[in-house]
């Protein structure tokens, strides 16, 4: 792992493999280590140079200082489809990714983003088109606030859950992943992954600020309708956090896109689908003229 100064902040990143550059963009609260190594290896085996990084306010990248919104404010904005004010938005986070590519001397890359990372990847393709060869949006939405919203029951559980502390974050994290994952969920494996993430970096305020960034950003549908890059949309049919309508709306917005949906995928990357997803990402990359 290494760090680079880009877009006025420090970005922690990791490069593996040779071949076509492929940028992986992580979701809300996620770190570069949260991309399963087995999935990364599948991508490397398909002739990709995989670049993954910590978003701002996560992992070992720059931490911001604005007062984070409460979980109640976030939930209210979701339910009422209102914007929040924020220290930064998804355009700023996309500019971070663009700055990272510039700093690494990569003129353009295939881009894969999951969840919030899919939103950032879409924004990167819209606002920095020369740097995106192909786009893969995984378990994400268009930001139109009508599609891909969390299930109401999940919002209710989140509001009733006590605010986690560093001492309780492990159990809370495993419980949350169990609620949003598909049928391949493995509690022991997830516990080990959550523990590693907490030990590396624990930034709950950053998670809240990233949530505000999502809710401060505009609908990307008009920009997606103008995209001219090969686009793959991947979504789980049992995703309760970003419901399947988010992926469907994304695919409908982007001309010529391909929609790939899995019945054993929730808001996770099930190991049963790593090979198929890697094949689809390679195929989408090969559509570049």
C-alpha atoms as a PDB file:
ATOM      1  CA  UNK A   1       0.000   0.000   0.000  1.00  0.00           C
ATOM      2  CA  UNK A   2       1.050   3.588  -0.608  1.00  0.00           C
ATOM      3  CA  UNK A   3      -0.299   7.121  -0.332  1.00  0.00           C
ATOM      4  CA  UNK A   4      -0.497   9.932  -2.858  1.00  0.00           C
ATOM      5  CA  UNK A   5      -1.518  13.588  -2.709  1.00  0.00           C
ATOM      6  CA  UNK A   6      -4.398  14.219  -5.109  1.00  0.00           C
ATOM      7  CA  UNK A   7      -7.213  16.775  -5.288  1.00  0.00           C
ATOM      8  CA  UNK A   8      -5.858  18.436  -2.164  1.00  0.00           C
ATOM      9  CA  UNK A   9      -6.053  15.350   0.055  1.00  0.00           C
ATOM     10  CA  UNK A  10      -4.047  12.236   0.880  1.00  0.00           C
ATOM     11  CA  UNK A  11      -5.361   9.057  -0.736  1.00  0.00           C
ATOM     12  CA  UNK A  12      -4.249   5.596   0.377  1.00  0.00           C
ATOM     13  CA  UNK A  13      -4.174   3.087  -2.493  1.00  0.00           C
ATOM     14  CA  UNK A  14      -3.018  -0.378  -3.525  1.00  0.00           C
ATOM     15  CA  UNK A  15      -2.096  -1.650  -6.993  1.00  0.00           C
ATOM     16  CA  UNK A  16      -1.956  -5.311  -8.016  1.00  0.00           C
ATOM     17  CA  UNK A  17      -1.499  -7.071 -11.340  1.00  0.00           C
ATOM     18  CA  UNK A  18      -0.657  -5.979 -14.857  1.00  0.00           C
ATOM     19  CA  UNK A  19      -2.757  -5.314 -17.917  1.00  0.00           C
ATOM     20  CA  UNK A  20      -5.588  -2.861 -18.405  1.00  0.00           C
ATOM     21  CA  UNK A  21      -5.963  -0.396 -15.503  1.00  0.00           C
ATOM     22  CA  UNK A  22      -9.137  -1.027 -13.507  1.00  0.00           C
ATOM     23  CA  UNK A  23     -10.151   1.298 -10.676  1.00  0.00           C
ATOM     24  CA  UNK A  24     -12.256  -0.174  -7.858  1.00  0.00           C
ATOM     25  CA  UNK A  25     -14.346   2.391  -5.951  1.00  0.00           C
ATOM     26  CA  UNK A  26     -15.580   1.353  -2.510  1.00  0.00           C
ATOM     27  CA  UNK A  27     -18.944   2.085  -0.911  1.00  0.00           C
ATOM     28  CA  UNK A  28     -20.130   3.831   2.233  1.00  0.00           C
ATOM     29  CA  UNK A  29     -17.734   3.400   5.183  1.00  0.00           C
ATOM     30  CA  UNK A  30     -15.765   0.835   3.214  1.00  0.00           C
ATOM     31  CA  UNK A  31     -12.000   0.584   2.935  1.00  0.00           C
ATOM     32  CA  UNK A  32      -9.798  -0.769   0.182  1.00  0.00           C
ATOM     33  CA  UNK A  33      -9.329  -3.952   2.212  1.00  0.00           C
ATOM     34  CA  UNK A  34     -13.088  -4.544   2.035  1.00  0.00           C
ATOM     35  CA  UNK A  35     -12.811  -5.625  -1.601  1.00  0.00           C
ATOM     36  CA  UNK A  36     -12.542  -9.439  -1.207  1.00  0.00           C
ATOM     37  CA  UNK A  37      -9.061 -10.532  -2.197  1.00  0.00           C
ATOM     38  CA  UNK A  38     -10.518 -13.526  -3.993  1.00  0.00           C
ATOM     39  CA  UNK A  39     -12.575 -11.233  -6.202  1.00  0.00           C
ATOM     40  CA  UNK A  40      -9.547  -9.015  -6.849  1.00  0.00           C
ATOM     41  CA  UNK A  41      -7.576 -12.115  -7.848  1.00  0.00           C
ATOM     42  CA  UNK A  42     -10.322 -13.047 -10.326  1.00  0.00           C
ATOM     43  CA  UNK A  43      -9.958  -9.612 -11.925  1.00  0.00           C
ATOM     44  CA  UNK A  44      -6.157  -9.856 -12.031  1.00  0.00           C
ATOM     45  CA  UNK A  45      -6.496 -13.250 -13.747  1.00  0.00           C
ATOM     46  CA  UNK A  46      -8.495 -11.507 -16.482  1.00  0.00           C
ATOM     47  CA  UNK A  47      -5.614  -9.196 -17.377  1.00  0.00           C
ATOM     48  CA  UNK A  48      -6.450  -6.203 -15.202  1.00  0.00           C
ATOM     49  CA  UNK A  49      -4.117  -3.961 -13.238  1.00  0.00           C
ATOM     50  CA  UNK A  50      -6.352  -3.475 -10.208  1.00  0.00           C
ATOM     51  CA  UNK A  51      -6.192  -0.157  -8.342  1.00  0.00           C
ATOM     52  CA  UNK A  52      -8.200   0.160  -5.142  1.00  0.00           C
ATOM     53  CA  UNK A  53      -8.184   3.010  -2.657  1.00  0.00           C
ATOM     54  CA  UNK A  54      -9.683   4.471   0.502  1.00  0.00           C
ATOM     55  CA  UNK A  55     -12.259   7.176  -0.159  1.00  0.00           C
ATOM     56  CA  UNK A  56     -11.925  10.427   1.784  1.00  0.00           C
ATOM     57  CA  UNK A  57     -13.154  10.034   5.374  1.00  0.00           C
ATOM     58  CA  UNK A  58     -12.483   6.275   5.303  1.00  0.00           C
ATOM     59  CA  UNK A  59      -9.540   3.996   5.888  1.00  0.00           C
ATOM     60  CA  UNK A  60      -6.207   5.827   5.849  1.00  0.00           C
ATOM     61  CA  UNK A  61      -7.156   8.643   3.475  1.00  0.00           C
ATOM     62  CA  UNK A  62      -7.740  12.205   4.683  1.00  0.00           C
ATOM     63  CA  UNK A  63     -10.292  12.581   7.476  1.00  0.00           C
ATOM     64  CA  UNK A  64     -12.552  15.634   7.403  1.00  0.00           C
ATOM     65  CA  UNK A  65     -13.764  17.675  10.361  1.00  0.00           C
ATOM     66  CA  UNK A  66     -17.283  19.012   9.744  1.00  0.00           C
ATOM     67  CA  UNK A  67     -19.947  18.108  12.304  1.00  0.00           C
ATOM     68  CA  UNK A  68     -21.587  14.933  10.949  1.00  0.00           C
ATOM     69  CA  UNK A  69     -25.375  14.687  10.592  1.00  0.00           C
ATOM     70  CA  UNK A  70     -27.238  12.494  13.061  1.00  0.00           C
ATOM     71  CA  UNK A  71     -28.686   9.176  11.966  1.00  0.00           C
ATOM     72  CA  UNK A  72     -32.136  10.700  12.469  1.00  0.00           C
ATOM     73  CA  UNK A  73     -31.371  13.559  10.026  1.00  0.00           C
ATOM     74  CA  UNK A  74     -30.051  11.082   7.490  1.00  0.00           C
ATOM     75  CA  UNK A  75     -33.114   8.837   7.831  1.00  0.00           C
ATOM     76  CA  UNK A  76     -35.498  11.795   7.574  1.00  0.00           C
ATOM     77  CA  UNK A  77     -33.781  13.011   4.404  1.00  0.00           C
ATOM     78  CA  UNK A  78     -34.060   9.522   2.909  1.00  0.00           C
ATOM     79  CA  UNK A  79     -37.720   9.074   3.736  1.00  0.00           C
ATOM     80  CA  UNK A  80     -38.751  12.613   2.730  1.00  0.00           C
ATOM     81  CA  UNK A  81     -36.416  12.645  -0.315  1.00  0.00           C
ATOM     82  CA  UNK A  82     -34.771  15.845   0.813  1.00  0.00           C
ATOM     83  CA  UNK A  83     -31.217  17.037   0.274  1.00  0.00           C
ATOM     84  CA  UNK A  84     -28.756  17.560   3.099  1.00  0.00           C
ATOM     85  CA  UNK A  85     -26.056  20.184   3.266  1.00  0.00           C
ATOM     86  CA  UNK A  86     -22.609  18.645   3.347  1.00  0.00           C
ATOM     87  CA  UNK A  87     -18.912  19.505   3.548  1.00  0.00           C
ATOM     88  CA  UNK A  88     -18.423  17.684   0.235  1.00  0.00           C
ATOM     89  CA  UNK A  89     -20.495  15.743  -2.279  1.00  0.00           C
ATOM     90  CA  UNK A  90     -20.096  12.916  -4.785  1.00  0.00           C
ATOM     91  CA  UNK A  91     -18.537  15.269  -7.342  1.00  0.00           C
ATOM     92  CA  UNK A  92     -15.717  15.944  -4.877  1.00  0.00           C
ATOM     93  CA  UNK A  93     -15.263  12.227  -4.285  1.00  0.00           C
ATOM     94  CA  UNK A  94     -15.207  11.567  -8.044  1.00  0.00           C
ATOM     95  CA  UNK A  95     -12.559  14.290  -8.364  1.00  0.00           C
ATOM     96  CA  UNK A  96     -10.500  12.383  -5.775  1.00  0.00           C
ATOM     97  CA  UNK A  97     -10.621   9.297  -7.990  1.00  0.00           C
ATOM     98  CA  UNK A  98      -9.705  11.365 -11.044  1.00  0.00           C
ATOM     99  CA  UNK A  99      -6.815  12.916  -9.133  1.00  0.00           C
ATOM    100  CA  UNK A 100      -5.582   9.486  -8.075  1.00  0.00           C
ATOM    101  CA  UNK A 101      -5.503   8.309 -11.697  1.00  0.00           C
ATOM    102  CA  UNK A 102      -3.651  11.480 -12.699  1.00  0.00           C
ATOM    103  CA  UNK A 103      -1.154  11.004  -9.890  1.00  0.00           C
ATOM    104  CA  UNK A 104      -0.499   7.428 -10.972  1.00  0.00           C
ATOM    105  CA  UNK A 105      -0.003   8.497 -14.573  1.00  0.00           C
ATOM    106  CA  UNK A 106      -3.079   6.579 -15.745  1.00  0.00           C
ATOM    107  CA  UNK A 107      -4.755   8.484 -18.587  1.00  0.00           C
ATOM    108  CA  UNK A 108      -7.923   6.382 -18.424  1.00  0.00           C
ATOM    109  CA  UNK A 109      -9.175   3.276 -16.668  1.00  0.00           C
ATOM    110  CA  UNK A 110     -12.037   0.841 -16.543  1.00  0.00           C
ATOM    111  CA  UNK A 111     -14.020   1.781 -13.443  1.00  0.00           C
ATOM    112  CA  UNK A 112     -16.007  -0.479 -11.111  1.00  0.00           C
ATOM    113  CA  UNK A 113     -17.882   0.956  -8.142  1.00  0.00           C
ATOM    114  CA  UNK A 114     -20.178  -0.686  -5.632  1.00  0.00           C
ATOM    115  CA  UNK A 115     -22.977   0.978  -3.663  1.00  0.00           C
ATOM    116  CA  UNK A 116     -21.821   4.550  -2.906  1.00  0.00           C
ATOM    117  CA  UNK A 117     -18.784   3.628  -4.991  1.00  0.00           C
ATOM    118  CA  UNK A 118     -21.129   3.014  -7.907  1.00  0.00           C
ATOM    119  CA  UNK A 119     -22.500   6.531  -7.442  1.00  0.00           C
ATOM    120  CA  UNK A 120     -18.951   7.910  -7.426  1.00  0.00           C
ATOM    121  CA  UNK A 121     -18.048   5.831 -10.498  1.00  0.00           C
ATOM    122  CA  UNK A 122     -21.122   7.134 -12.357  1.00  0.00           C
ATOM    123  CA  UNK A 123     -20.193  10.708 -11.413  1.00  0.00           C
ATOM    124  CA  UNK A 124     -16.615  10.125 -12.568  1.00  0.00           C
ATOM    125  CA  UNK A 125     -17.880   8.887 -15.946  1.00  0.00           C
ATOM    126  CA  UNK A 126     -20.206  11.892 -16.289  1.00  0.00           C
ATOM    127  CA  UNK A 127     -17.825  14.620 -15.113  1.00  0.00           C
ATOM    128  CA  UNK A 128     -14.442  13.183 -16.164  1.00  0.00           C
ATOM    129  CA  UNK A 129     -15.359  11.183 -19.287  1.00  0.00           C
ATOM    130  CA  UNK A 130     -11.877  11.088 -20.795  1.00  0.00           C
ATOM    131  CA  UNK A 131     -10.637   9.124 -17.787  1.00  0.00           C
ATOM    132  CA  UNK A 132     -13.253   6.351 -17.971  1.00  0.00           C
ATOM    133  CA  UNK A 133     -12.916   3.579 -20.565  1.00  0.00           C
ATOM    134  CA  UNK A 134     -15.831   1.502 -19.312  1.00  0.00           C
ATOM    135  CA  UNK A 135     -18.176   1.654 -16.330  1.00  0.00           C
ATOM    136  CA  UNK A 136     -19.504  -1.057 -14.038  1.00  0.00           C
ATOM    137  CA  UNK A 137     -22.056   0.046 -11.434  1.00  0.00           C
ATOM    138  CA  UNK A 138     -22.708  -2.556  -8.745  1.00  0.00           C
ATOM    139  CA  UNK A 139     -25.649  -2.469  -6.254  1.00  0.00           C
ATOM    140  CA  UNK A 140     -26.090   1.262  -6.760  1.00  0.00           C
ATOM    141  CA  UNK A 141     -28.689   3.753  -8.047  1.00  0.00           C
ATOM    142  CA  UNK A 142     -29.038   6.932 -10.105  1.00  0.00           C
ATOM    143  CA  UNK A 143     -29.660   9.327  -7.216  1.00  0.00           C
ATOM    144  CA  UNK A 144     -33.175  10.135  -8.439  1.00  0.00           C
ATOM    145  CA  UNK A 145     -34.495   9.347  -4.917  1.00  0.00           C
ATOM    146  CA  UNK A 146     -37.381   7.278  -6.325  1.00  0.00           C
ATOM    147  CA  UNK A 147     -35.514   4.063  -7.076  1.00  0.00           C
ATOM    148  CA  UNK A 148     -33.088   1.944  -5.104  1.00  0.00           C
ATOM    149  CA  UNK A 149     -34.081   3.211  -1.664  1.00  0.00           C
ATOM    150  CA  UNK A 150     -33.585   1.107   1.472  1.00  0.00           C
ATOM    151  CA  UNK A 151     -36.418  -1.128   2.614  1.00  0.00           C
ATOM    152  CA  UNK A 152     -38.501   0.693   5.276  1.00  0.00           C
ATOM    153  CA  UNK A 153     -37.945  -2.180   7.706  1.00  0.00           C
ATOM    154  CA  UNK A 154     -34.182  -1.703   7.403  1.00  0.00           C
ATOM    155  CA  UNK A 155     -34.472   2.022   8.159  1.00  0.00           C
ATOM    156  CA  UNK A 156     -36.578   1.178  11.215  1.00  0.00           C
ATOM    157  CA  UNK A 157     -34.019  -1.317  12.520  1.00  0.00           C
ATOM    158  CA  UNK A 158     -31.228   1.218  12.036  1.00  0.00           C
ATOM    159  CA  UNK A 159     -33.107   3.871  14.027  1.00  0.00           C
ATOM    160  CA  UNK A 160     -33.825   1.441  16.866  1.00  0.00           C
ATOM    161  CA  UNK A 161     -30.234   0.179  17.061  1.00  0.00           C
ATOM    162  CA  UNK A 162     -28.159   1.796  19.851  1.00  0.00           C
ATOM    163  CA  UNK A 163     -25.365   4.052  18.644  1.00  0.00           C
ATOM    164  CA  UNK A 164     -22.307   1.791  18.334  1.00  0.00           C
ATOM    165  CA  UNK A 165     -19.066   2.454  20.152  1.00  0.00           C
ATOM    166  CA  UNK A 166     -15.643   1.095  19.312  1.00  0.00           C
ATOM    167  CA  UNK A 167     -16.300  -1.688  21.841  1.00  0.00           C
ATOM    168  CA  UNK A 168     -19.621  -2.686  20.254  1.00  0.00           C
ATOM    169  CA  UNK A 169     -18.789  -1.888  16.611  1.00  0.00           C
ATOM    170  CA  UNK A 170     -17.756  -5.457  15.816  1.00  0.00           C
ATOM    171  CA  UNK A 171     -21.055  -7.025  16.882  1.00  0.00           C
ATOM    172  CA  UNK A 172     -23.075  -4.199  15.333  1.00  0.00           C
ATOM    173  CA  UNK A 173     -21.169  -4.507  12.066  1.00  0.00           C
ATOM    174  CA  UNK A 174     -21.727  -8.259  11.803  1.00  0.00           C
ATOM    175  CA  UNK A 175     -25.422  -7.793  12.604  1.00  0.00           C
ATOM    176  CA  UNK A 176     -25.763  -5.125   9.922  1.00  0.00           C
ATOM    177  CA  UNK A 177     -24.051  -7.225   7.251  1.00  0.00           C
ATOM    178  CA  UNK A 178     -26.301 -10.156   8.115  1.00  0.00           C
ATOM    179  CA  UNK A 179     -29.343  -7.931   7.565  1.00  0.00           C
ATOM    180  CA  UNK A 180     -28.240  -6.642   4.158  1.00  0.00           C
ATOM    181  CA  UNK A 181     -26.433  -9.669   2.719  1.00  0.00           C
ATOM    182  CA  UNK A 182     -27.822 -12.474   0.598  1.00  0.00           C
ATOM    183  CA  UNK A 183     -28.098 -16.195   1.412  1.00  0.00           C
ATOM    184  CA  UNK A 184     -24.339 -16.854   1.165  1.00  0.00           C
ATOM    185  CA  UNK A 185     -23.662 -14.762   4.303  1.00  0.00           C
ATOM    186  CA  UNK A 186     -20.975 -16.332   6.520  1.00  0.00           C
ATOM    187  CA  UNK A 187     -20.935 -14.958  10.074  1.00  0.00           C
ATOM    188  CA  UNK A 188     -17.427 -16.145  10.980  1.00  0.00           C
ATOM    189  CA  UNK A 189     -15.902 -14.808   7.779  1.00  0.00           C
ATOM    190  CA  UNK A 190     -17.726 -11.494   8.165  1.00  0.00           C
ATOM    191  CA  UNK A 191     -16.613 -11.148  11.794  1.00  0.00           C
ATOM    192  CA  UNK A 192     -12.977 -11.526  10.752  1.00  0.00           C
ATOM    193  CA  UNK A 193     -13.399  -8.932   7.988  1.00  0.00           C
ATOM    194  CA  UNK A 194     -15.165  -6.414  10.245  1.00  0.00           C
ATOM    195  CA  UNK A 195     -12.524  -6.862  12.949  1.00  0.00           C
ATOM    196  CA  UNK A 196      -9.727  -6.204  10.435  1.00  0.00           C
ATOM    197  CA  UNK A 197     -11.487  -3.066   9.203  1.00  0.00           C
ATOM    198  CA  UNK A 198     -12.003  -1.683  12.733  1.00  0.00           C
ATOM    199  CA  UNK A 199      -8.395  -2.373  13.683  1.00  0.00           C
ATOM    200  CA  UNK A 200      -7.165  -0.556  10.561  1.00  0.00           C
ATOM    201  CA  UNK A 201      -9.455   2.465  10.849  1.00  0.00           C
ATOM    202  CA  UNK A 202     -12.605   3.321  12.828  1.00  0.00           C
ATOM    203  CA  UNK A 203     -14.316   6.512  11.583  1.00  0.00           C
ATOM    204  CA  UNK A 204     -18.061   6.622  12.317  1.00  0.00           C
ATOM    205  CA  UNK A 205     -18.161  10.401  11.801  1.00  0.00           C
ATOM    206  CA  UNK A 206     -16.691   9.873   8.346  1.00  0.00           C
ATOM    207  CA  UNK A 207     -19.476   7.427   7.548  1.00  0.00           C
ATOM    208  CA  UNK A 208     -22.061  10.057   8.474  1.00  0.00           C
ATOM    209  CA  UNK A 209     -20.299  12.692   6.360  1.00  0.00           C
ATOM    210  CA  UNK A 210     -20.188  10.298   3.398  1.00  0.00           C
ATOM    211  CA  UNK A 211     -23.927   9.688   3.873  1.00  0.00           C
ATOM    212  CA  UNK A 212     -24.469  13.447   3.755  1.00  0.00           C
ATOM    213  CA  UNK A 213     -22.408  13.608   0.545  1.00  0.00           C
ATOM    214  CA  UNK A 214     -24.793  11.136  -1.080  1.00  0.00           C
ATOM    215  CA  UNK A 215     -27.838  13.090   0.058  1.00  0.00           C
ATOM    216  CA  UNK A 216     -26.325  16.429  -1.009  1.00  0.00           C
ATOM    217  CA  UNK A 217     -25.754  15.252  -4.591  1.00  0.00           C
ATOM    218  CA  UNK A 218     -28.134  15.678  -7.536  1.00  0.00           C
ATOM    219  CA  UNK A 219     -29.946  13.128  -9.646  1.00  0.00           C
ATOM    220  CA  UNK A 220     -27.430  11.650 -12.101  1.00  0.00           C
ATOM    221  CA  UNK A 221     -30.047  10.414 -14.599  1.00  0.00           C
ATOM    222  CA  UNK A 222     -29.576  13.257 -17.147  1.00  0.00           C
ATOM    223  CA  UNK A 223     -25.821  12.705 -17.118  1.00  0.00           C
ATOM    224  CA  UNK A 224     -26.172   8.928 -17.383  1.00  0.00           C
ATOM    225  CA  UNK A 225     -28.409   9.349 -20.418  1.00  0.00           C
ATOM    226  CA  UNK A 226     -25.513  11.096 -22.180  1.00  0.00           C
ATOM    227  CA  UNK A 227     -22.869   8.476 -21.418  1.00  0.00           C
ATOM    228  CA  UNK A 228     -21.095   6.928 -24.358  1.00  0.00           C
ATOM    229  CA  UNK A 229     -18.955   4.318 -22.582  1.00  0.00           C
ATOM    230  CA  UNK A 230     -19.705   0.586 -22.354  1.00  0.00           C
ATOM    231  CA  UNK A 231     -21.667   0.130 -19.150  1.00  0.00           C
ATOM    232  CA  UNK A 232     -22.486  -2.909 -17.046  1.00  0.00           C
ATOM    233  CA  UNK A 233     -24.976  -2.745 -14.178  1.00  0.00           C
ATOM    234  CA  UNK A 234     -24.875  -5.514 -11.544  1.00  0.00           C
ATOM    235  CA  UNK A 235     -27.469  -5.871  -8.802  1.00  0.00           C
ATOM    236  CA  UNK A 236     -28.775  -8.398  -6.314  1.00  0.00           C
ATOM    237  CA  UNK A 237     -32.420  -9.373  -6.446  1.00  0.00           C
ATOM    238  CA  UNK A 238     -32.563  -9.617  -2.644  1.00  0.00           C
ATOM    239  CA  UNK A 239     -30.746  -6.357  -1.834  1.00  0.00           C
ATOM    240  CA  UNK A 240     -32.643  -4.544   0.981  1.00  0.00           C
ATOM    241  CA  UNK A 241     -30.272  -1.557   1.262  1.00  0.00           C
ATOM    242  CA  UNK A 242     -30.267  -0.423  -2.369  1.00  0.00           C
ATOM    243  CA  UNK A 243     -33.301  -2.248  -3.681  1.00  0.00           C
ATOM    244  CA  UNK A 244     -33.201  -3.740  -7.204  1.00  0.00           C
ATOM    245  CA  UNK A 245     -35.111  -0.819  -8.735  1.00  0.00           C
ATOM    246  CA  UNK A 246     -31.875   1.182  -8.319  1.00  0.00           C
ATOM    247  CA  UNK A 247     -29.979  -1.088 -10.679  1.00  0.00           C
ATOM    248  CA  UNK A 248     -32.872  -1.290 -13.127  1.00  0.00           C
ATOM    249  CA  UNK A 249     -33.181   2.513 -13.258  1.00  0.00           C
ATOM    250  CA  UNK A 250     -29.414   2.810 -13.832  1.00  0.00           C
ATOM    251  CA  UNK A 251     -29.485   0.353 -16.723  1.00  0.00           C
ATOM    252  CA  UNK A 252     -32.512   2.071 -18.240  1.00  0.00           C
ATOM    253  CA  UNK A 253     -30.746   5.442 -18.083  1.00  0.00           C
ATOM    254  CA  UNK A 254     -27.478   4.464 -19.792  1.00  0.00           C
ATOM    255  CA  UNK A 255     -27.744   3.836 -23.555  1.00  0.00           C
ATOM    256  CA  UNK A 256     -26.643   0.349 -24.567  1.00  0.00           C
ATOM    257  CA  UNK A 257     -25.960  -0.828 -21.020  1.00  0.00           C
ATOM    258  CA  UNK A 258     -26.194  -4.439 -19.878  1.00  0.00           C
ATOM    259  CA  UNK A 259     -28.078  -5.402 -16.692  1.00  0.00           C
ATOM    260  CA  UNK A 260     -26.901  -8.459 -14.752  1.00  0.00           C
ATOM    261  CA  UNK A 261     -28.945  -9.505 -11.697  1.00  0.00           C
ATOM    262  CA  UNK A 262     -28.342 -12.397  -9.305  1.00  0.00           C
ATOM    263  CA  UNK A 263     -30.933 -14.162  -7.148  1.00  0.00           C
ATOM    264  CA  UNK A 264     -28.374 -15.055  -4.461  1.00  0.00           C
ATOM    265  CA  UNK A 265     -26.980 -11.530  -4.068  1.00  0.00           C
ATOM    266  CA  UNK A 266     -28.040  -8.960  -1.502  1.00  0.00           C
ATOM    267  CA  UNK A 267     -25.963  -5.907  -0.686  1.00  0.00           C
ATOM    268  CA  UNK A 268     -22.794  -7.967  -0.846  1.00  0.00           C
ATOM    269  CA  UNK A 269     -20.389  -9.644  -3.253  1.00  0.00           C
ATOM    270  CA  UNK A 270     -21.205 -13.374  -2.908  1.00  0.00           C
ATOM    271  CA  UNK A 271     -18.237 -15.618  -3.629  1.00  0.00           C
ATOM    272  CA  UNK A 272     -20.557 -17.799  -5.729  1.00  0.00           C
ATOM    273  CA  UNK A 273     -20.645 -14.972  -8.301  1.00  0.00           C
ATOM    274  CA  UNK A 274     -17.058 -13.678  -8.306  1.00  0.00           C
ATOM    275  CA  UNK A 275     -16.029 -15.553 -11.446  1.00  0.00           C
ATOM    276  CA  UNK A 276     -19.179 -14.634 -13.365  1.00  0.00           C
ATOM    277  CA  UNK A 277     -18.903 -10.989 -12.335  1.00  0.00           C
ATOM    278  CA  UNK A 278     -15.224 -10.851 -13.320  1.00  0.00           C
ATOM    279  CA  UNK A 279     -16.071 -12.362 -16.710  1.00  0.00           C
ATOM    280  CA  UNK A 280     -18.817  -9.761 -17.207  1.00  0.00           C
ATOM    281  CA  UNK A 281     -16.478  -6.892 -16.258  1.00  0.00           C
ATOM    282  CA  UNK A 282     -13.859  -8.208 -18.699  1.00  0.00           C
ATOM    283  CA  UNK A 283     -16.473  -8.529 -21.426  1.00  0.00           C
ATOM    284  CA  UNK A 284     -17.696  -4.995 -20.782  1.00  0.00           C
ATOM    285  CA  UNK A 285     -14.106  -3.704 -20.945  1.00  0.00           C
ATOM    286  CA  UNK A 286     -13.583  -5.501 -24.239  1.00  0.00           C
ATOM    287  CA  UNK A 287     -16.508  -3.575 -25.744  1.00  0.00           C
ATOM    288  CA  UNK A 288     -14.361  -0.436 -25.787  1.00  0.00           C
ATOM    289  CA  UNK A 289     -13.674   0.492 -29.391  1.00  0.00           C
END
